[in-house]
Amino acid sequence: MAAFHLDNIFLALQYSYAGGYLHERYRIYVRDGIDLIENDEFVITETMKFLRGALLNPKD
């Protein structure tokens, strides 16, 4: 099940850079200019933070 959700996240991320509707949706939820190359590292970092928080158990 985790693989399915990961695939959905990465597909949505990929298409948000390419498609008009998903690009606009991504811009609304994140910020203007999110698709610029200068923001690629930010997008990767924030996506990985989300995935770590969602999939890993916190250490006690």
PDB file of N, CA and C in Angstrom:
ATOM      1  N   MET A   1       0.819  -1.193   0.000  1.00  0.00           N
ATOM      2  CA  MET A   1       0.000   0.000   0.000  1.00  0.00           C
ATOM      3  C   MET A   1       0.863   1.258   0.000  1.00  0.00           C
ATOM      4  N   ALA A   2       1.959   1.239   0.717  1.00  0.00           N
ATOM      5  CA  ALA A   2       2.843   2.406   0.755  1.00  0.00           C
ATOM      6  C   ALA A   2       3.386   2.723  -0.634  1.00  0.00           C
ATOM      7  N   ALA A   3       3.710   1.692  -1.400  1.00  0.00           N
ATOM      8  CA  ALA A   3       4.230   1.912  -2.755  1.00  0.00           C
ATOM      9  C   ALA A   3       3.192   2.617  -3.630  1.00  0.00           C
ATOM     10  N   PHE A   4       1.945   2.260  -3.478  1.00  0.00           N
ATOM     11  CA  PHE A   4       0.870   2.897  -4.236  1.00  0.00           C
ATOM     12  C   PHE A   4       0.795   4.387  -3.914  1.00  0.00           C
ATOM     13  N   HIS A   5       0.850   4.723  -2.628  1.00  0.00           N
ATOM     14  CA  HIS A   5       0.775   6.127  -2.219  1.00  0.00           C
ATOM     15  C   HIS A   5       2.011   6.905  -2.663  1.00  0.00           C
ATOM     16  N   LEU A   6       3.160   6.291  -2.571  1.00  0.00           N
ATOM     17  CA  LEU A   6       4.381   6.942  -3.056  1.00  0.00           C
ATOM     18  C   LEU A   6       4.274   7.234  -4.549  1.00  0.00           C
ATOM     19  N   ASP A   7       3.781   6.268  -5.294  1.00  0.00           N
ATOM     20  CA  ASP A   7       3.617   6.453  -6.729  1.00  0.00           C
ATOM     21  C   ASP A   7       2.673   7.612  -7.021  1.00  0.00           C
ATOM     22  N   ASN A   8       1.575   7.705  -6.293  1.00  0.00           N
ATOM     23  CA  ASN A   8       0.634   8.812  -6.482  1.00  0.00           C
ATOM     24  C   ASN A   8       1.290  10.161  -6.211  1.00  0.00           C
ATOM     25  N   ILE A   9       2.069  10.233  -5.151  1.00  0.00           N
ATOM     26  CA  ILE A   9       2.742  11.487  -4.805  1.00  0.00           C
ATOM     27  C   ILE A   9       3.715  11.898  -5.902  1.00  0.00           C
ATOM     28  N   PHE A  10       4.534  10.958  -6.348  1.00  0.00           N
ATOM     29  CA  PHE A  10       5.531  11.298  -7.357  1.00  0.00           C
ATOM     30  C   PHE A  10       4.903  11.597  -8.717  1.00  0.00           C
ATOM     31  N   LEU A  11       3.829  10.905  -9.068  1.00  0.00           N
ATOM     32  CA  LEU A  11       3.135  11.219 -10.326  1.00  0.00           C
ATOM     33  C   LEU A  11       2.506  12.606 -10.274  1.00  0.00           C
ATOM     34  N   ALA A  12       1.874  12.933  -9.162  1.00  0.00           N
ATOM     35  CA  ALA A  12       1.282  14.265  -9.025  1.00  0.00           C
ATOM     36  C   ALA A  12       2.357  15.340  -9.082  1.00  0.00           C
ATOM     37  N   LEU A  13       3.478  15.092  -8.441  1.00  0.00           N
ATOM     38  CA  LEU A  13       4.588  16.045  -8.477  1.00  0.00           C
ATOM     39  C   LEU A  13       5.106  16.217  -9.899  1.00  0.00           C
ATOM     40  N   GLN A  14       5.288  15.122 -10.600  1.00  0.00           N
ATOM     41  CA  GLN A  14       5.786  15.180 -11.974  1.00  0.00           C
ATOM     42  C   GLN A  14       4.818  15.951 -12.875  1.00  0.00           C
ATOM     43  N   TYR A  15       3.546  15.637 -12.814  1.00  0.00           N
ATOM     44  CA  TYR A  15       2.570  16.290 -13.682  1.00  0.00           C
ATOM     45  C   TYR A  15       2.305  17.735 -13.278  1.00  0.00           C
ATOM     46  N   SER A  16       2.562  18.088 -12.025  1.00  0.00           N
ATOM     47  CA  SER A  16       2.359  19.475 -11.617  1.00  0.00           C
ATOM     48  C   SER A  16       3.325  20.404 -12.331  1.00  0.00           C
ATOM     49  N   TYR A  17       4.446  19.878 -12.785  1.00  0.00           N
ATOM     50  CA  TYR A  17       5.395  20.681 -13.549  1.00  0.00           C
ATOM     51  C   TYR A  17       5.004  20.760 -15.023  1.00  0.00           C
ATOM     52  N   ALA A  18       4.208  19.825 -15.508  1.00  0.00           N
ATOM     53  CA  ALA A  18       3.958  19.721 -16.945  1.00  0.00           C
ATOM     54  C   ALA A  18       2.571  20.185 -17.377  1.00  0.00           C
ATOM     55  N   GLY A  19       1.557  19.878 -16.604  1.00  0.00           N
ATOM     56  CA  GLY A  19       0.191  20.137 -17.035  1.00  0.00           C
ATOM     57  C   GLY A  19      -0.358  21.456 -16.515  1.00  0.00           C
ATOM     58  N   GLY A  20      -1.246  22.070 -17.278  1.00  0.00           N
ATOM     59  CA  GLY A  20      -1.835  23.345 -16.902  1.00  0.00           C
ATOM     60  C   GLY A  20      -2.661  23.283 -15.630  1.00  0.00           C
ATOM     61  N   TYR A  21      -3.594  22.338 -15.566  1.00  0.00           N
ATOM     62  CA  TYR A  21      -4.463  22.227 -14.392  1.00  0.00           C
ATOM     63  C   TYR A  21      -3.662  21.914 -13.140  1.00  0.00           C
ATOM     64  N   LEU A  22      -2.805  20.904 -13.208  1.00  0.00           N
ATOM     65  CA  LEU A  22      -2.036  20.525 -12.020  1.00  0.00           C
ATOM     66  C   LEU A  22      -1.017  21.592 -11.646  1.00  0.00           C
ATOM     67  N   HIS A  23      -0.472  22.277 -12.646  1.00  0.00           N
ATOM     68  CA  HIS A  23       0.452  23.376 -12.365  1.00  0.00           C
ATOM     69  C   HIS A  23      -0.261  24.464 -11.568  1.00  0.00           C
ATOM     70  N   GLU A  24      -1.448  24.846 -12.007  1.00  0.00           N
ATOM     71  CA  GLU A  24      -2.208  25.884 -11.310  1.00  0.00           C
ATOM     72  C   GLU A  24      -2.591  25.427  -9.908  1.00  0.00           C
ATOM     73  N   ARG A  25      -2.997  24.204  -9.773  1.00  0.00           N
ATOM     74  CA  ARG A  25      -3.353  23.641  -8.463  1.00  0.00           C
ATOM     75  C   ARG A  25      -2.153  23.648  -7.520  1.00  0.00           C
ATOM     76  N   TYR A  26      -1.009  23.238  -8.032  1.00  0.00           N
ATOM     77  CA  TYR A  26       0.219  23.223  -7.240  1.00  0.00           C
ATOM     78  C   TYR A  26       0.585  24.640  -6.809  1.00  0.00           C
ATOM     79  N   ARG A  27       0.445  25.608  -7.717  1.00  0.00           N
ATOM     80  CA  ARG A  27       0.760  26.996  -7.408  1.00  0.00           C
ATOM     81  C   ARG A  27      -0.162  27.529  -6.312  1.00  0.00           C
ATOM     82  N   ILE A  28      -1.445  27.203  -6.382  1.00  0.00           N
ATOM     83  CA  ILE A  28      -2.410  27.666  -5.385  1.00  0.00           C
ATOM     84  C   ILE A  28      -2.066  27.117  -4.005  1.00  0.00           C
ATOM     85  N   TYR A  29      -1.752  25.833  -3.925  1.00  0.00           N
ATOM     86  CA  TYR A  29      -1.505  25.207  -2.630  1.00  0.00           C
ATOM     87  C   TYR A  29      -0.114  25.479  -2.078  1.00  0.00           C
ATOM     88  N   VAL A  30       0.836  25.780  -2.930  1.00  0.00           N
ATOM     89  CA  VAL A  30       2.207  25.973  -2.448  1.00  0.00           C
ATOM     90  C   VAL A  30       2.580  27.448  -2.510  1.00  0.00           C
ATOM     91  N   ARG A  31       2.895  27.965  -3.720  1.00  0.00           N
ATOM     92  CA  ARG A  31       3.204  29.390  -3.886  1.00  0.00           C
ATOM     93  C   ARG A  31       3.464  29.694  -5.357  1.00  0.00           C
ATOM     94  N   ASP A  32       3.395  30.988  -5.690  1.00  0.00           N
ATOM     95  CA  ASP A  32       3.711  31.414  -7.059  1.00  0.00           C
ATOM     96  C   ASP A  32       5.161  31.101  -7.376  1.00  0.00           C
ATOM     97  N   GLY A  33       5.425  30.724  -8.613  1.00  0.00           N
ATOM     98  CA  GLY A  33       6.788  30.471  -9.048  1.00  0.00           C
ATOM     99  C   GLY A  33       7.360  29.150  -8.584  1.00  0.00           C
ATOM    100  N   ILE A  34       6.526  28.287  -8.033  1.00  0.00           N
ATOM    101  CA  ILE A  34       7.026  27.020  -7.500  1.00  0.00           C
ATOM    102  C   ILE A  34       7.619  26.145  -8.593  1.00  0.00           C
ATOM    103  N   ASP A  35       7.209  26.366  -9.830  1.00  0.00           N
ATOM    104  CA  ASP A  35       7.707  25.541 -10.922  1.00  0.00           C
ATOM    105  C   ASP A  35       9.035  26.032 -11.495  1.00  0.00           C
ATOM    106  N   LEU A  36       9.570  27.118 -10.984  1.00  0.00           N
ATOM    107  CA  LEU A  36      10.856  27.621 -11.463  1.00  0.00           C
ATOM    108  C   LEU A  36      11.981  26.698 -11.026  1.00  0.00           C
ATOM    109  N   ILE A  37      13.008  26.629 -11.838  1.00  0.00           N
ATOM    110  CA  ILE A  37      14.120  25.716 -11.560  1.00  0.00           C
ATOM    111  C   ILE A  37      14.802  26.047 -10.225  1.00  0.00           C
ATOM    112  N   GLU A  38      14.759  27.308  -9.825  1.00  0.00           N
ATOM    113  CA  GLU A  38      15.372  27.701  -8.550  1.00  0.00           C
ATOM    114  C   GLU A  38      14.686  27.043  -7.354  1.00  0.00           C
ATOM    115  N   ASN A  39      13.452  26.607  -7.530  1.00  0.00           N
ATOM    116  CA  ASN A  39      12.693  26.007  -6.433  1.00  0.00           C
ATOM    117  C   ASN A  39      12.722  24.487  -6.427  1.00  0.00           C
ATOM    118  N   ASP A  40      13.429  23.884  -7.354  1.00  0.00           N
ATOM    119  CA  ASP A  40      13.461  22.419  -7.429  1.00  0.00           C
ATOM    120  C   ASP A  40      13.960  21.784  -6.134  1.00  0.00           C
ATOM    121  N   GLU A  41      15.010  22.324  -5.566  1.00  0.00           N
ATOM    122  CA  GLU A  41      15.555  21.761  -4.327  1.00  0.00           C
ATOM    123  C   GLU A  41      14.548  21.893  -3.184  1.00  0.00           C
ATOM    124  N   PHE A  42      13.845  23.016  -3.128  1.00  0.00           N
ATOM    125  CA  PHE A  42      12.806  23.219  -2.122  1.00  0.00           C
ATOM    126  C   PHE A  42      11.712  22.168  -2.265  1.00  0.00           C
ATOM    127  N   VAL A  43      11.259  21.939  -3.488  1.00  0.00           N
ATOM    128  CA  VAL A  43      10.194  20.961  -3.742  1.00  0.00           C
ATOM    129  C   VAL A  43      10.641  19.565  -3.320  1.00  0.00           C
ATOM    130  N   ILE A  44      11.849  19.187  -3.685  1.00  0.00           N
ATOM    131  CA  ILE A  44      12.371  17.865  -3.319  1.00  0.00           C
ATOM    132  C   ILE A  44      12.484  17.734  -1.808  1.00  0.00           C
ATOM    133  N   THR A  45      13.053  18.741  -1.162  1.00  0.00           N
ATOM    134  CA  THR A  45      13.236  18.707   0.292  1.00  0.00           C
ATOM    135  C   THR A  45      11.904  18.597   1.024  1.00  0.00           C
ATOM    136  N   GLU A  46      10.934  19.408   0.628  1.00  0.00           N
ATOM    137  CA  GLU A  46       9.637  19.390   1.301  1.00  0.00           C
ATOM    138  C   GLU A  46       8.874  18.090   1.044  1.00  0.00           C
ATOM    139  N   THR A  47       8.995  17.549  -0.157  1.00  0.00           N
ATOM    140  CA  THR A  47       8.356  16.267  -0.456  1.00  0.00           C
ATOM    141  C   THR A  47       8.959  15.161   0.397  1.00  0.00           C
ATOM    142  N   MET A  48      10.272  15.157   0.529  1.00  0.00           N
ATOM    143  CA  MET A  48      10.935  14.133   1.341  1.00  0.00           C
ATOM    144  C   MET A  48      10.585  14.288   2.820  1.00  0.00           C
ATOM    145  N   LYS A  49      10.468  15.517   3.313  1.00  0.00           N
ATOM    146  CA  LYS A  49      10.055  15.734   4.708  1.00  0.00           C
ATOM    147  C   LYS A  49       8.672  15.135   4.946  1.00  0.00           C
ATOM    148  N   PHE A  50       7.766  15.391   4.004  1.00  0.00           N
ATOM    149  CA  PHE A  50       6.419  14.850   4.129  1.00  0.00           C
ATOM    150  C   PHE A  50       6.440  13.328   4.149  1.00  0.00           C
ATOM    151  N   LEU A  51       7.177  12.739   3.223  1.00  0.00           N
ATOM    152  CA  LEU A  51       7.231  11.279   3.134  1.00  0.00           C
ATOM    153  C   LEU A  51       7.842  10.668   4.389  1.00  0.00           C
ATOM    154  N   ARG A  52       8.910  11.261   4.882  1.00  0.00           N
ATOM    155  CA  ARG A  52       9.517  10.742   6.121  1.00  0.00           C
ATOM    156  C   ARG A  52       8.532  10.813   7.280  1.00  0.00           C
ATOM    157  N   GLY A  53       7.842  11.928   7.401  1.00  0.00           N
ATOM    158  CA  GLY A  53       6.875  12.090   8.484  1.00  0.00           C
ATOM    159  C   GLY A  53       5.694  11.146   8.360  1.00  0.00           C
ATOM    160  N   ALA A  54       5.298  10.861   7.138  1.00  0.00           N
ATOM    161  CA  ALA A  54       4.129  10.009   6.917  1.00  0.00           C
ATOM    162  C   ALA A  54       4.446   8.528   7.036  1.00  0.00           C
ATOM    163  N   LEU A  55       5.665   8.134   6.691  1.00  0.00           N
ATOM    164  CA  LEU A  55       5.970   6.709   6.587  1.00  0.00           C
ATOM    165  C   LEU A  55       6.872   6.156   7.684  1.00  0.00           C
ATOM    166  N   LEU A  56       7.616   7.011   8.339  1.00  0.00           N
ATOM    167  CA  LEU A  56       8.540   6.518   9.359  1.00  0.00           C
ATOM    168  C   LEU A  56       7.948   6.674  10.747  1.00  0.00           C
ATOM    169  N   ASN A  57       8.246   5.731  11.604  1.00  0.00           N
ATOM    170  CA  ASN A  57       7.809   5.815  12.991  1.00  0.00           C
ATOM    171  C   ASN A  57       8.729   6.754  13.750  1.00  0.00           C
ATOM    172  N   PRO A  58       8.161   7.647  14.566  1.00  0.00           N
ATOM    173  CA  PRO A  58       9.019   8.537  15.352  1.00  0.00           C
ATOM    174  C   PRO A  58       9.794   7.742  16.400  1.00  0.00           C
ATOM    175  N   LYS A  59      11.001   8.180  16.651  1.00  0.00           N
ATOM    176  CA  LYS A  59      11.816   7.514  17.673  1.00  0.00           C
ATOM    177  C   LYS A  59      11.434   8.053  19.041  1.00  0.00           C
ATOM    178  N   ASP A  60      11.361   7.172  19.990  1.00  0.00           N
ATOM    179  CA  ASP A  60      10.972   7.577  21.359  1.00  0.00           C
ATOM    180  C   ASP A  60      12.117   8.216  22.080  1.00  0.00           C
TER     181      ASP A  60
END
